[in-house]
Amino acid sequence: MRHITQDGIDLIKRFEGFSSTVYICPAGYPTIGYGHLVRSGESFNEISETEAEELLRKDVETAERAVLRLVNVPLTDGQFDALVSFTFNLGAGAFQRSTLRRKVNRRAHTEVPAQMMRWVWAGGRKLNGLIRRRGAESNLYVYS
């Protein structure tokens, strides 16, 4: 199975940020580490950055599988990393239903950044952090 590169992991880490303790993310979910959604039955007091990256790599596998399943055209590493980051952040269902996915599968690669930039809302608010993240994902998609 294809995996996200270290550049892709670093992008996710940069935008998720690190928290050694549980916090509530902007969308209202309990989260720890680099964007790990705390599931029912999981309990965390405090984790290290190394443990958080291990959790992130496991969590990213779901997004990797979704991108591989939903995209039927060849992708560069940068394109794959950008789509995995996007899918990790928003979920496979959002990616599956998106016009973004249809643009990718139609090889309309120049239209992908505009589609990514539509996904900058969380909890009913337009977030500057998501605007920056989508910009970085767009750049990774187009320029690598």
Protein backbone atom coordinates (compact mmCIF):
# COMPACT_ATOMS: atom_id res chain seq x y z
CA MET A 1 0.00 0.00 0.00
CA ARG A 2 1.16 3.52 -0.78
CA HIS A 3 1.95 5.75 2.20
CA ILE A 4 2.18 9.46 2.81
CA THR A 5 5.73 10.83 2.72
CA GLN A 6 7.46 12.49 5.65
CA ASP A 7 6.73 15.86 3.99
CA GLY A 8 3.03 15.01 4.14
CA ILE A 9 3.28 13.94 7.79
CA ASP A 10 5.12 17.17 8.59
CA LEU A 11 2.40 19.23 6.89
CA ILE A 12 -0.30 17.53 8.96
CA LYS A 13 1.74 17.98 12.15
CA ARG A 14 2.27 21.67 11.41
CA PHE A 15 -1.43 22.37 10.99
CA GLU A 16 -2.79 20.03 13.63
CA GLY A 17 -0.31 21.28 16.19
CA PHE A 18 0.78 19.18 19.14
CA SER A 19 -1.02 18.83 22.42
CA SER A 20 0.23 16.44 25.08
CA THR A 21 -3.20 16.51 26.74
CA VAL A 22 -6.78 16.19 25.54
CA TYR A 23 -8.46 19.35 24.21
CA ILE A 24 -11.66 20.10 22.29
CA CYS A 25 -10.94 20.88 18.61
CA PRO A 26 -12.76 23.69 16.73
CA ALA A 27 -15.28 21.16 15.40
CA GLY A 28 -16.09 20.14 19.00
CA TYR A 29 -14.32 16.78 19.34
CA PRO A 30 -11.91 15.63 22.09
CA THR A 31 -8.46 15.47 20.50
CA ILE A 32 -4.86 14.78 21.56
CA GLY A 33 -1.43 14.71 19.97
CA TYR A 34 -1.46 15.71 16.31
CA GLY A 35 -5.19 15.66 15.67
CA HIS A 36 -6.01 12.21 17.08
CA LEU A 37 -9.73 12.07 17.79
CA VAL A 38 -10.18 10.40 21.16
CA ARG A 39 -12.56 7.50 20.67
CA SER A 40 -14.96 5.99 23.14
CA GLY A 41 -12.99 3.71 25.44
CA GLU A 42 -9.69 5.52 24.91
CA SER A 43 -8.15 7.31 27.83
CA PHE A 44 -5.14 9.61 27.79
CA ASN A 45 -3.49 11.63 30.52
CA GLU A 46 -0.45 12.90 28.67
CA ILE A 47 1.51 11.74 25.60
CA SER A 48 4.91 12.56 24.12
CA GLU A 49 5.53 13.93 20.62
CA THR A 50 6.94 10.52 19.62
CA GLU A 51 3.77 8.75 20.82
CA ALA A 52 1.67 11.39 19.08
CA GLU A 53 3.45 10.84 15.76
CA GLU A 54 2.92 7.08 16.10
CA LEU A 55 -0.82 7.71 16.63
CA LEU A 56 -0.84 10.09 13.67
CA ARG A 57 0.76 7.51 11.36
CA LYS A 58 -1.89 4.94 12.39
CA ASP A 59 -4.69 7.47 11.97
CA VAL A 60 -3.41 8.56 8.55
CA GLU A 61 -3.72 4.99 7.23
CA THR A 62 -7.50 5.44 7.03
CA ALA A 63 -7.06 8.56 4.88
CA GLU A 64 -4.43 6.82 2.73
CA ARG A 65 -6.78 3.90 2.04
CA ALA A 66 -9.63 6.29 1.22
CA VAL A 67 -7.54 8.26 -1.29
CA LEU A 68 -6.29 5.05 -2.90
CA ARG A 69 -9.87 3.73 -3.15
CA LEU A 70 -11.47 6.95 -4.39
CA VAL A 71 -8.86 8.26 -6.83
CA ASN A 72 -8.41 6.36 -10.08
CA VAL A 73 -5.70 8.44 -11.75
CA PRO A 74 -1.93 8.47 -11.11
CA LEU A 75 -0.77 10.98 -8.48
CA THR A 76 2.60 12.46 -7.68
CA ASP A 77 3.80 12.14 -4.08
CA GLY A 78 2.84 15.77 -3.49
CA GLN A 79 -0.65 15.27 -4.89
CA PHE A 80 -1.13 12.12 -2.82
CA ASP A 81 0.19 13.80 0.34
CA ALA A 82 -2.09 16.82 -0.16
CA LEU A 83 -5.17 14.63 -0.65
CA VAL A 84 -4.30 12.45 2.35
CA SER A 85 -3.87 15.56 4.52
CA PHE A 86 -7.21 16.91 3.26
CA THR A 87 -8.96 13.58 3.87
CA PHE A 88 -7.36 13.16 7.30
CA ASN A 89 -8.70 16.58 8.28
CA LEU A 90 -12.21 16.25 6.82
CA GLY A 91 -12.89 12.53 6.63
CA ALA A 92 -13.27 10.06 3.79
CA GLY A 93 -17.00 10.73 3.40
CA ALA A 94 -16.45 14.43 2.72
CA PHE A 95 -13.72 13.62 0.19
CA GLN A 96 -15.87 10.96 -1.48
CA ARG A 97 -18.81 13.35 -1.94
CA SER A 98 -16.68 16.31 -2.99
CA THR A 99 -16.35 18.03 -6.33
CA LEU A 100 -12.65 18.05 -5.46
CA ARG A 101 -12.48 14.27 -5.92
CA ARG A 102 -14.31 14.50 -9.24
CA LYS A 103 -11.85 17.17 -10.46
CA VAL A 104 -8.90 14.96 -9.48
CA ASN A 105 -10.37 11.93 -11.26
CA ARG A 106 -11.02 14.04 -14.37
CA ARG A 107 -7.37 15.16 -14.27
CA ALA A 108 -8.50 18.78 -13.90
CA HIS A 109 -5.50 19.36 -11.65
CA THR A 110 -5.43 23.13 -12.12
CA GLU A 111 -8.96 23.31 -10.65
CA VAL A 112 -8.06 21.37 -7.48
CA PRO A 113 -6.75 24.33 -5.42
CA ALA A 114 -10.02 26.27 -5.83
CA GLN A 115 -11.95 23.21 -4.73
CA MET A 116 -9.71 22.73 -1.68
CA MET A 117 -10.26 26.36 -0.67
CA ARG A 118 -14.00 25.72 -0.36
CA TRP A 119 -13.31 23.57 2.73
CA VAL A 120 -12.33 26.23 5.27
CA TRP A 121 -15.29 26.02 7.65
CA ALA A 122 -15.57 24.22 11.01
CA GLY A 123 -18.26 24.52 13.63
CA GLY A 124 -20.11 27.02 11.41
CA ARG A 125 -17.15 29.40 11.26
CA LYS A 126 -14.60 30.23 8.57
CA LEU A 127 -11.22 29.52 10.19
CA ASN A 128 -7.94 31.22 9.31
CA GLY A 129 -6.08 28.04 10.23
CA LEU A 130 -8.08 26.08 7.66
CA ILE A 131 -7.49 28.78 5.05
CA ARG A 132 -3.72 28.45 5.64
CA ARG A 133 -3.91 24.65 5.65
CA ARG A 134 -5.84 24.47 2.38
CA GLY A 135 -3.36 26.91 0.87
CA ALA A 136 -0.45 24.68 1.91
CA GLU A 137 -2.24 21.55 0.65
CA SER A 138 -2.96 23.34 -2.65
CA ASN A 139 0.68 24.32 -3.06
CA LEU A 140 1.81 20.78 -2.29
CA TYR A 141 -0.70 19.43 -4.81
CA VAL A 142 0.29 21.80 -7.62
CA TYR A 143 4.02 22.32 -7.11
CA SER A 144 5.43 18.94 -6.15
